[in-house]
Amino acid sequence: MNEFNPKILKKLYRPPSDSHKGQNGKLLLIGGSKLFHAASLWSLKVASRIVDMVFYSSVPENNEIVQKAKEEFRDGIVIPRNKIEDYINEADCILIGPGLPRKEGELEGDNDTKTLTENLLKKFKNKRWVIDGGSLQVIDPEILPKNSIITPHQGEFRKLFEVEANPENGFQMAKRYNIIILTKGPKDYISSSNEYVEIPGGNAGMTKGGTGDVLAGLVSALYCKNDAFLSACAGSYINKKAGESLAKRVGLYFNASDLADEIPKVMKELIF
């Protein structure tokens, strides 16, 4: 087990002074449902502060919410589910799963979460993918694209791989499928086919609903312009440090929106 060295955060991509809109990352976010409408919005909130453009695709109700929130979401495009493939090629990274339902028949159109996710992963296997939430709970691991990042909690890990969630199994599954696994918990474990690290920190305030969606948005935004393992490690570390920063001011009494707001402040301190 390797210890995470925060100094590697200095390797993260930083927008050059002469860059133009669109050059610093484009993310496609596919998530949300009538039941879990907020999950994808938390991912969107943090990602839109890091990359230049977020293409957001959810159910009509969520698309409408985002359209009305343009004062916070200026650099993005809201797209219907039937236009997803038109934007996949343009995006640097695709995040799929936050808030997607596990039951069949709950998505717009004919595709349930399993069908939607697996069809897209198979068709666009050479893209950068982050798979989270509802998608992780229904797919077959055999279709995970190489170098994709998955962000399971311990229960999702057990369901996906049919083994217990621990560092050694995470490392073995990452090697088997040539993916990056960020297993969430009081200590996060990030595994690649070559190494794995433990990232402690955070606090009990981060058990609240939506904090995992914030993490998924952060990791996928970083993956737009950085390699997969660095993106997963940096996302985990920054997310936990944001929770610790909040705890210094308000104790454990913060929510996912507070965490998303805190992340840019922590990134400034850690990276610049």
C-alpha atoms as a PDB file:
ATOM      1  CA  MET A   1       0.000   0.000   0.000  1.00  0.00           C
ATOM      2  CA  ASN A   2       1.474   3.319  -1.068  1.00  0.00           C
ATOM      3  CA  GLU A   3       0.834   6.551   0.800  1.00  0.00           C
ATOM      4  CA  PHE A   4      -0.672   9.375  -1.179  1.00  0.00           C
ATOM      5  CA  ASN A   5       1.730  12.265  -1.644  1.00  0.00           C
ATOM      6  CA  PRO A   6      -0.153  15.579  -1.867  1.00  0.00           C
ATOM      7  CA  LYS A   7       2.750  17.067  -3.814  1.00  0.00           C
ATOM      8  CA  ILE A   8       1.504  15.295  -6.939  1.00  0.00           C
ATOM      9  CA  LEU A   9      -1.442  17.702  -6.957  1.00  0.00           C
ATOM     10  CA  LYS A  10       0.996  20.185  -8.483  1.00  0.00           C
ATOM     11  CA  LYS A  11       0.946  17.955 -11.589  1.00  0.00           C
ATOM     12  CA  LEU A  12      -2.726  18.666 -12.198  1.00  0.00           C
ATOM     13  CA  TYR A  13      -3.578  20.567 -15.347  1.00  0.00           C
ATOM     14  CA  ARG A  14      -3.937  24.308 -14.893  1.00  0.00           C
ATOM     15  CA  PRO A  15      -5.479  26.459 -17.638  1.00  0.00           C
ATOM     16  CA  PRO A  16      -2.761  28.433 -19.422  1.00  0.00           C
ATOM     17  CA  SER A  17      -3.101  32.188 -19.477  1.00  0.00           C
ATOM     18  CA  ASP A  18      -3.602  32.287 -23.251  1.00  0.00           C
ATOM     19  CA  SER A  19      -6.262  29.559 -23.411  1.00  0.00           C
ATOM     20  CA  HIS A  20      -9.683  30.027 -24.971  1.00  0.00           C
ATOM     21  CA  LYS A  21     -13.151  28.787 -24.054  1.00  0.00           C
ATOM     22  CA  GLY A  22     -13.434  25.051 -24.565  1.00  0.00           C
ATOM     23  CA  GLN A  23      -9.717  24.286 -24.340  1.00  0.00           C
ATOM     24  CA  ASN A  24      -9.756  23.506 -20.617  1.00  0.00           C
ATOM     25  CA  GLY A  25     -12.093  20.565 -20.599  1.00  0.00           C
ATOM     26  CA  LYS A  26     -15.497  19.487 -21.870  1.00  0.00           C
ATOM     27  CA  LEU A  27     -17.554  17.069 -19.795  1.00  0.00           C
ATOM     28  CA  LEU A  28     -20.757  15.228 -20.692  1.00  0.00           C
ATOM     29  CA  LEU A  29     -22.868  14.383 -17.638  1.00  0.00           C
ATOM     30  CA  ILE A  30     -25.589  11.731 -18.029  1.00  0.00           C
ATOM     31  CA  GLY A  31     -27.634  11.230 -14.885  1.00  0.00           C
ATOM     32  CA  GLY A  32     -30.644  12.063 -12.780  1.00  0.00           C
ATOM     33  CA  SER A  33     -34.198  10.760 -12.674  1.00  0.00           C
ATOM     34  CA  LYS A  34     -37.613  11.785 -11.375  1.00  0.00           C
ATOM     35  CA  LEU A  35     -36.810  10.126  -8.045  1.00  0.00           C
ATOM     36  CA  PHE A  36     -33.146  11.132  -7.723  1.00  0.00           C
ATOM     37  CA  HIS A  37     -33.251  14.563  -9.291  1.00  0.00           C
ATOM     38  CA  ALA A  38     -30.627  16.233  -7.087  1.00  0.00           C
ATOM     39  CA  ALA A  39     -27.752  13.762  -7.543  1.00  0.00           C
ATOM     40  CA  SER A  40     -26.733  14.848 -11.023  1.00  0.00           C
ATOM     41  CA  LEU A  41     -27.168  18.509 -10.058  1.00  0.00           C
ATOM     42  CA  TRP A  42     -24.498  18.169  -7.355  1.00  0.00           C
ATOM     43  CA  SER A  43     -22.103  16.603  -9.876  1.00  0.00           C
ATOM     44  CA  LEU A  44     -22.927  19.396 -12.300  1.00  0.00           C
ATOM     45  CA  LYS A  45     -22.399  22.106  -9.698  1.00  0.00           C
ATOM     46  CA  VAL A  46     -18.812  21.161  -8.929  1.00  0.00           C
ATOM     47  CA  ALA A  47     -17.788  20.155 -12.463  1.00  0.00           C
ATOM     48  CA  SER A  48     -19.000  23.396 -14.017  1.00  0.00           C
ATOM     49  CA  ARG A  49     -16.538  25.286 -11.824  1.00  0.00           C
ATOM     50  CA  ILE A  50     -13.549  23.306 -13.071  1.00  0.00           C
ATOM     51  CA  VAL A  51     -14.005  22.626 -16.795  1.00  0.00           C
ATOM     52  CA  ASP A  52     -14.939  25.065 -19.560  1.00  0.00           C
ATOM     53  CA  MET A  53     -18.051  23.260 -20.727  1.00  0.00           C
ATOM     54  CA  VAL A  54     -20.509  20.755 -19.282  1.00  0.00           C
ATOM     55  CA  PHE A  55     -23.030  19.069 -21.550  1.00  0.00           C
ATOM     56  CA  TYR A  56     -25.855  18.061 -19.217  1.00  0.00           C
ATOM     57  CA  SER A  57     -28.386  15.368 -20.086  1.00  0.00           C
ATOM     58  CA  SER A  58     -31.113  14.286 -17.681  1.00  0.00           C
ATOM     59  CA  VAL A  59     -34.854  13.731 -17.567  1.00  0.00           C
ATOM     60  CA  PRO A  60     -36.968  16.706 -18.730  1.00  0.00           C
ATOM     61  CA  GLU A  61     -37.681  17.874 -15.176  1.00  0.00           C
ATOM     62  CA  ASN A  62     -33.967  18.161 -14.354  1.00  0.00           C
ATOM     63  CA  ASN A  63     -33.121  19.732 -17.695  1.00  0.00           C
ATOM     64  CA  GLU A  64     -35.681  22.414 -16.926  1.00  0.00           C
ATOM     65  CA  ILE A  65     -34.158  23.069 -13.485  1.00  0.00           C
ATOM     66  CA  VAL A  66     -30.753  23.592 -15.034  1.00  0.00           C
ATOM     67  CA  GLN A  67     -32.135  25.814 -17.767  1.00  0.00           C
ATOM     68  CA  LYS A  68     -33.582  28.063 -15.071  1.00  0.00           C
ATOM     69  CA  ALA A  69     -30.283  28.107 -13.178  1.00  0.00           C
ATOM     70  CA  LYS A  70     -28.261  29.588 -16.013  1.00  0.00           C
ATOM     71  CA  GLU A  71     -26.961  32.303 -13.747  1.00  0.00           C
ATOM     72  CA  GLU A  72     -24.830  29.601 -12.106  1.00  0.00           C
ATOM     73  CA  PHE A  73     -24.348  27.373 -15.157  1.00  0.00           C
ATOM     74  CA  ARG A  74     -23.236  29.712 -17.907  1.00  0.00           C
ATOM     75  CA  ASP A  75     -20.719  27.534 -19.721  1.00  0.00           C
ATOM     76  CA  GLY A  76     -22.814  24.553 -20.643  1.00  0.00           C
ATOM     77  CA  ILE A  77     -25.488  23.088 -22.825  1.00  0.00           C
ATOM     78  CA  VAL A  78     -28.569  21.184 -21.699  1.00  0.00           C
ATOM     79  CA  ILE A  79     -29.340  18.343 -24.097  1.00  0.00           C
ATOM     80  CA  PRO A  80     -32.152  15.775 -24.327  1.00  0.00           C
ATOM     81  CA  ARG A  81     -31.328  12.100 -23.900  1.00  0.00           C
ATOM     82  CA  ASN A  82     -31.937  11.368 -27.579  1.00  0.00           C
ATOM     83  CA  LYS A  83     -29.049  13.696 -28.487  1.00  0.00           C
ATOM     84  CA  ILE A  84     -26.439  12.147 -26.174  1.00  0.00           C
ATOM     85  CA  GLU A  85     -24.373  10.495 -28.874  1.00  0.00           C
ATOM     86  CA  ASP A  86     -24.038  13.777 -30.759  1.00  0.00           C
ATOM     87  CA  TYR A  87     -22.067  15.186 -27.822  1.00  0.00           C
ATOM     88  CA  ILE A  88     -20.037  12.165 -26.713  1.00  0.00           C
ATOM     89  CA  ASN A  89     -17.408  12.605 -29.401  1.00  0.00           C
ATOM     90  CA  GLU A  90     -16.941  16.266 -28.525  1.00  0.00           C
ATOM     91  CA  ALA A  91     -16.574  15.669 -24.793  1.00  0.00           C
ATOM     92  CA  ASP A  92     -13.180  14.968 -23.233  1.00  0.00           C
ATOM     93  CA  CYS A  93     -14.811  12.801 -20.554  1.00  0.00           C
ATOM     94  CA  ILE A  94     -18.257  11.358 -19.841  1.00  0.00           C
ATOM     95  CA  LEU A  95     -19.720  10.900 -16.369  1.00  0.00           C
ATOM     96  CA  ILE A  96     -22.656   8.504 -16.275  1.00  0.00           C
ATOM     97  CA  GLY A  97     -24.732   7.284 -13.362  1.00  0.00           C
ATOM     98  CA  PRO A  98     -25.363   9.943 -10.682  1.00  0.00           C
ATOM     99  CA  GLY A  99     -29.051   9.675  -9.890  1.00  0.00           C
ATOM    100  CA  LEU A 100     -29.883   7.159 -12.632  1.00  0.00           C
ATOM    101  CA  PRO A 101     -32.623   4.767 -11.432  1.00  0.00           C
ATOM    102  CA  ARG A 102     -31.974   1.072 -10.878  1.00  0.00           C
ATOM    103  CA  LYS A 103     -35.428  -0.099 -11.947  1.00  0.00           C
ATOM    104  CA  GLU A 104     -36.407  -0.606 -15.561  1.00  0.00           C
ATOM    105  CA  GLY A 105     -38.803   1.754 -17.284  1.00  0.00           C
ATOM    106  CA  GLU A 106     -37.903   4.870 -15.311  1.00  0.00           C
ATOM    107  CA  LEU A 107     -35.912   6.640 -18.002  1.00  0.00           C
ATOM    108  CA  GLU A 108     -37.063   8.864 -20.820  1.00  0.00           C
ATOM    109  CA  GLY A 109     -37.549   6.746 -23.940  1.00  0.00           C
ATOM    110  CA  ASP A 110     -37.022   3.004 -24.230  1.00  0.00           C
ATOM    111  CA  ASN A 111     -33.705   2.589 -22.420  1.00  0.00           C
ATOM    112  CA  ASP A 112     -33.430   1.574 -18.777  1.00  0.00           C
ATOM    113  CA  THR A 113     -30.222   2.376 -16.908  1.00  0.00           C
ATOM    114  CA  LYS A 114     -28.528  -0.939 -17.682  1.00  0.00           C
ATOM    115  CA  THR A 115     -29.318  -0.772 -21.397  1.00  0.00           C
ATOM    116  CA  LEU A 116     -28.411   2.899 -21.706  1.00  0.00           C
ATOM    117  CA  THR A 117     -25.116   2.513 -19.847  1.00  0.00           C
ATOM    118  CA  GLU A 118     -23.910  -0.702 -21.441  1.00  0.00           C
ATOM    119  CA  ASN A 119     -24.808   0.382 -24.971  1.00  0.00           C
ATOM    120  CA  LEU A 120     -22.878   3.628 -24.598  1.00  0.00           C
ATOM    121  CA  LEU A 121     -19.857   2.003 -22.951  1.00  0.00           C
ATOM    122  CA  LYS A 122     -19.629  -0.579 -25.717  1.00  0.00           C
ATOM    123  CA  LYS A 123     -20.137   1.873 -28.564  1.00  0.00           C
ATOM    124  CA  PHE A 124     -17.735   4.521 -27.245  1.00  0.00           C
ATOM    125  CA  LYS A 125     -15.192   2.340 -25.445  1.00  0.00           C
ATOM    126  CA  ASN A 126     -12.261   4.557 -26.436  1.00  0.00           C
ATOM    127  CA  LYS A 127     -13.617   7.622 -24.623  1.00  0.00           C
ATOM    128  CA  ARG A 128     -12.748   8.620 -21.075  1.00  0.00           C
ATOM    129  CA  TRP A 129     -15.494   7.370 -18.755  1.00  0.00           C
ATOM    130  CA  VAL A 130     -16.366   7.836 -15.093  1.00  0.00           C
ATOM    131  CA  ILE A 131     -19.093   5.411 -13.984  1.00  0.00           C
ATOM    132  CA  ASP A 132     -20.979   6.110 -10.765  1.00  0.00           C
ATOM    133  CA  GLY A 133     -24.232   5.556  -8.868  1.00  0.00           C
ATOM    134  CA  GLY A 134     -27.119   3.918 -10.686  1.00  0.00           C
ATOM    135  CA  SER A 135     -24.975   2.732 -13.575  1.00  0.00           C
ATOM    136  CA  LEU A 136     -22.552   0.902 -11.274  1.00  0.00           C
ATOM    137  CA  GLN A 137     -25.402  -0.965  -9.627  1.00  0.00           C
ATOM    138  CA  VAL A 138     -26.726  -2.613 -12.788  1.00  0.00           C
ATOM    139  CA  ILE A 139     -23.897  -3.196 -15.276  1.00  0.00           C
ATOM    140  CA  ASP A 140     -21.692  -6.187 -16.030  1.00  0.00           C
ATOM    141  CA  PRO A 141     -18.030  -5.398 -15.189  1.00  0.00           C
ATOM    142  CA  GLU A 142     -16.909  -7.136 -18.373  1.00  0.00           C
ATOM    143  CA  ILE A 143     -18.065  -4.151 -20.436  1.00  0.00           C
ATOM    144  CA  LEU A 144     -16.109  -1.529 -18.459  1.00  0.00           C
ATOM    145  CA  PRO A 145     -13.832   0.308 -20.918  1.00  0.00           C
ATOM    146  CA  LYS A 146     -10.095   0.242 -20.272  1.00  0.00           C
ATOM    147  CA  ASN A 147      -8.847   3.210 -18.250  1.00  0.00           C
ATOM    148  CA  SER A 148     -12.353   4.077 -17.087  1.00  0.00           C
ATOM    149  CA  ILE A 149     -12.795   5.248 -13.500  1.00  0.00           C
ATOM    150  CA  ILE A 150     -15.470   3.724 -11.288  1.00  0.00           C
ATOM    151  CA  THR A 151     -16.475   5.209  -7.925  1.00  0.00           C
ATOM    152  CA  PRO A 152     -18.270   2.542  -5.863  1.00  0.00           C
ATOM    153  CA  HIS A 153     -19.029   2.573  -2.175  1.00  0.00           C
ATOM    154  CA  GLN A 154     -18.371  -0.745  -0.462  1.00  0.00           C
ATOM    155  CA  GLY A 155     -21.830  -2.175  -1.180  1.00  0.00           C
ATOM    156  CA  GLU A 156     -21.615  -1.288  -4.878  1.00  0.00           C
ATOM    157  CA  PHE A 157     -18.149  -2.845  -5.034  1.00  0.00           C
ATOM    158  CA  ARG A 158     -19.450  -6.145  -3.606  1.00  0.00           C
ATOM    159  CA  LYS A 159     -22.394  -6.194  -5.989  1.00  0.00           C
ATOM    160  CA  LEU A 160     -20.324  -5.380  -9.057  1.00  0.00           C
ATOM    161  CA  PHE A 161     -17.416  -7.772  -8.478  1.00  0.00           C
ATOM    162  CA  GLU A 162     -18.996 -10.332  -6.094  1.00  0.00           C
ATOM    163  CA  VAL A 163     -16.095 -10.058  -3.640  1.00  0.00           C
ATOM    164  CA  GLU A 164     -15.581  -8.065  -0.473  1.00  0.00           C
ATOM    165  CA  ALA A 165     -14.469  -4.472  -0.779  1.00  0.00           C
ATOM    166  CA  ASN A 166     -10.918  -4.234   0.526  1.00  0.00           C
ATOM    167  CA  PRO A 167      -7.658  -2.813  -0.840  1.00  0.00           C
ATOM    168  CA  GLU A 168      -6.291  -6.125  -2.105  1.00  0.00           C
ATOM    169  CA  ASN A 169      -9.495  -7.044  -3.963  1.00  0.00           C
ATOM    170  CA  GLY A 170      -9.670  -3.543  -5.374  1.00  0.00           C
ATOM    171  CA  PHE A 171      -6.165  -3.932  -6.752  1.00  0.00           C
ATOM    172  CA  GLN A 172      -6.968  -7.343  -8.239  1.00  0.00           C
ATOM    173  CA  MET A 173     -10.168  -6.109  -9.909  1.00  0.00           C
ATOM    174  CA  ALA A 174      -8.380  -3.041 -11.277  1.00  0.00           C
ATOM    175  CA  LYS A 175      -5.739  -5.319 -12.813  1.00  0.00           C
ATOM    176  CA  ARG A 176      -8.307  -7.756 -14.181  1.00  0.00           C
ATOM    177  CA  TYR A 177     -10.318  -5.106 -16.001  1.00  0.00           C
ATOM    178  CA  ASN A 178      -7.550  -2.520 -16.541  1.00  0.00           C
ATOM    179  CA  ILE A 179      -9.552   0.218 -14.859  1.00  0.00           C
ATOM    180  CA  ILE A 180      -9.210   2.662 -11.979  1.00  0.00           C
ATOM    181  CA  ILE A 181     -11.301   1.915  -8.897  1.00  0.00           C
ATOM    182  CA  LEU A 182     -12.023   4.575  -6.280  1.00  0.00           C
ATOM    183  CA  THR A 183     -13.639   2.707  -3.411  1.00  0.00           C
ATOM    184  CA  LYS A 184     -15.312   5.244  -1.114  1.00  0.00           C
ATOM    185  CA  GLY A 185     -15.345   5.058   2.661  1.00  0.00           C
ATOM    186  CA  PRO A 186     -13.847   6.566   5.817  1.00  0.00           C
ATOM    187  CA  LYS A 187     -10.624   5.791   3.966  1.00  0.00           C
ATOM    188  CA  ASP A 188     -10.776   5.837   0.181  1.00  0.00           C
ATOM    189  CA  TYR A 189      -8.802   3.224  -1.732  1.00  0.00           C
ATOM    190  CA  ILE A 190      -7.726   4.020  -5.269  1.00  0.00           C
ATOM    191  CA  SER A 191      -6.466   1.134  -7.388  1.00  0.00           C
ATOM    192  CA  SER A 192      -4.972   0.897 -10.855  1.00  0.00           C
ATOM    193  CA  SER A 193      -3.472  -2.094 -12.648  1.00  0.00           C
ATOM    194  CA  ASN A 194      -0.063  -1.051 -11.258  1.00  0.00           C
ATOM    195  CA  GLU A 195      -0.588   0.397  -7.788  1.00  0.00           C
ATOM    196  CA  TYR A 196      -3.041   1.332  -5.096  1.00  0.00           C
ATOM    197  CA  VAL A 197      -3.108   4.024  -2.461  1.00  0.00           C
ATOM    198  CA  GLU A 198      -5.035   4.780   0.696  1.00  0.00           C
ATOM    199  CA  ILE A 199      -6.433   8.254   1.275  1.00  0.00           C
ATOM    200  CA  PRO A 200      -7.664   8.891   4.833  1.00  0.00           C
ATOM    201  CA  GLY A 201      -9.409  12.006   6.053  1.00  0.00           C
ATOM    202  CA  GLY A 202     -12.798  13.588   5.847  1.00  0.00           C
ATOM    203  CA  ASN A 203     -15.312  13.252   8.651  1.00  0.00           C
ATOM    204  CA  ALA A 204     -18.788  12.004   9.523  1.00  0.00           C
ATOM    205  CA  GLY A 205     -20.376  15.078   7.963  1.00  0.00           C
ATOM    206  CA  MET A 206     -19.544  13.545   4.592  1.00  0.00           C
ATOM    207  CA  THR A 207     -21.959  10.657   5.074  1.00  0.00           C
ATOM    208  CA  LYS A 208     -24.829  12.876   3.965  1.00  0.00           C
ATOM    209  CA  GLY A 209     -26.592  12.171   0.687  1.00  0.00           C
ATOM    210  CA  GLY A 210     -25.017  13.750  -2.353  1.00  0.00           C
ATOM    211  CA  THR A 211     -21.396  13.931  -1.218  1.00  0.00           C
ATOM    212  CA  GLY A 212     -20.560  10.966  -3.445  1.00  0.00           C
ATOM    213  CA  ASP A 213     -22.154  12.764  -6.396  1.00  0.00           C
ATOM    214  CA  VAL A 214     -19.953  15.774  -5.662  1.00  0.00           C
ATOM    215  CA  LEU A 215     -16.919  13.482  -5.707  1.00  0.00           C
ATOM    216  CA  ALA A 216     -17.979  11.940  -9.034  1.00  0.00           C
ATOM    217  CA  GLY A 217     -18.355  15.380 -10.586  1.00  0.00           C
ATOM    218  CA  LEU A 218     -14.958  16.431  -9.277  1.00  0.00           C
ATOM    219  CA  VAL A 219     -13.156  13.307 -10.496  1.00  0.00           C
ATOM    220  CA  SER A 220     -14.728  13.455 -13.954  1.00  0.00           C
ATOM    221  CA  ALA A 221     -13.903  17.154 -14.322  1.00  0.00           C
ATOM    222  CA  LEU A 222     -10.270  16.425 -13.468  1.00  0.00           C
ATOM    223  CA  TYR A 223     -10.205  13.448 -15.835  1.00  0.00           C
ATOM    224  CA  CYS A 224     -10.995  15.753 -18.747  1.00  0.00           C
ATOM    225  CA  LYS A 225      -7.406  17.013 -18.712  1.00  0.00           C
ATOM    226  CA  ASN A 226      -5.417  14.605 -16.488  1.00  0.00           C
ATOM    227  CA  ASP A 227      -4.655  10.896 -16.460  1.00  0.00           C
ATOM    228  CA  ALA A 228      -7.106   8.555 -14.780  1.00  0.00           C
ATOM    229  CA  PHE A 229      -5.146   7.530 -11.676  1.00  0.00           C
ATOM    230  CA  LEU A 230      -4.103  11.086 -10.848  1.00  0.00           C
ATOM    231  CA  SER A 231      -7.683  12.285 -11.352  1.00  0.00           C
ATOM    232  CA  ALA A 232      -9.086   9.675  -8.976  1.00  0.00           C
ATOM    233  CA  CYS A 233      -6.432  10.243  -6.292  1.00  0.00           C
ATOM    234  CA  ALA A 234      -6.632  14.027  -6.516  1.00  0.00           C
ATOM    235  CA  GLY A 235     -10.434  13.993  -6.489  1.00  0.00           C
ATOM    236  CA  SER A 236     -10.534  11.831  -3.377  1.00  0.00           C
ATOM    237  CA  TYR A 237      -7.964  13.917  -1.540  1.00  0.00           C
ATOM    238  CA  ILE A 238      -9.481  17.290  -2.464  1.00  0.00           C
ATOM    239  CA  ASN A 239     -12.982  16.087  -1.565  1.00  0.00           C
ATOM    240  CA  LYS A 240     -11.875  14.954   1.885  1.00  0.00           C
ATOM    241  CA  LYS A 241      -9.912  18.141   2.497  1.00  0.00           C
ATOM    242  CA  ALA A 242     -12.991  20.183   1.572  1.00  0.00           C
ATOM    243  CA  GLY A 243     -14.975  18.259   4.193  1.00  0.00           C
ATOM    244  CA  GLU A 244     -12.284  18.916   6.771  1.00  0.00           C
ATOM    245  CA  SER A 245     -12.224  22.608   5.891  1.00  0.00           C
ATOM    246  CA  LEU A 246     -15.977  22.856   6.397  1.00  0.00           C
ATOM    247  CA  ALA A 247     -15.759  21.045   9.728  1.00  0.00           C
ATOM    248  CA  LYS A 248     -13.397  23.693  11.055  1.00  0.00           C
ATOM    249  CA  ARG A 249     -16.097  26.316  10.526  1.00  0.00           C
ATOM    250  CA  VAL A 250     -19.413  24.535  11.029  1.00  0.00           C
ATOM    251  CA  GLY A 251     -18.588  21.189  12.591  1.00  0.00           C
ATOM    252  CA  LEU A 252     -20.413  18.302  10.949  1.00  0.00           C
ATOM    253  CA  TYR A 253     -23.379  20.461   9.971  1.00  0.00           C
ATOM    254  CA  PHE A 254     -22.901  20.832   6.227  1.00  0.00           C
ATOM    255  CA  ASN A 255     -24.461  19.252   3.155  1.00  0.00           C
ATOM    256  CA  ALA A 256     -23.473  18.282  -0.378  1.00  0.00           C
ATOM    257  CA  SER A 257     -24.049  21.777  -1.741  1.00  0.00           C
ATOM    258  CA  ASP A 258     -21.730  23.201   0.921  1.00  0.00           C
ATOM    259  CA  LEU A 259     -19.110  20.640  -0.067  1.00  0.00           C
ATOM    260  CA  ALA A 260     -19.356  21.569  -3.749  1.00  0.00           C
ATOM    261  CA  ASP A 261     -18.932  25.238  -2.829  1.00  0.00           C
ATOM    262  CA  GLU A 262     -15.888  24.505  -0.674  1.00  0.00           C
ATOM    263  CA  ILE A 263     -13.970  22.475  -3.251  1.00  0.00           C
ATOM    264  CA  PRO A 264     -12.794  25.415  -5.427  1.00  0.00           C
ATOM    265  CA  LYS A 265     -11.424  27.155  -2.327  1.00  0.00           C
ATOM    266  CA  VAL A 266      -9.495  24.062  -1.293  1.00  0.00           C
ATOM    267  CA  MET A 267      -8.208  23.503  -4.821  1.00  0.00           C
ATOM    268  CA  LYS A 268      -6.794  27.020  -4.888  1.00  0.00           C
ATOM    269  CA  GLU A 269      -4.877  26.358  -1.679  1.00  0.00           C
ATOM    270  CA  LEU A 270      -3.597  22.939  -2.738  1.00  0.00           C
ATOM    271  CA  ILE A 271      -2.773  23.452  -6.406  1.00  0.00           C
ATOM    272  CA  PHE A 272      -1.758  27.060  -6.974  1.00  0.00           C
END
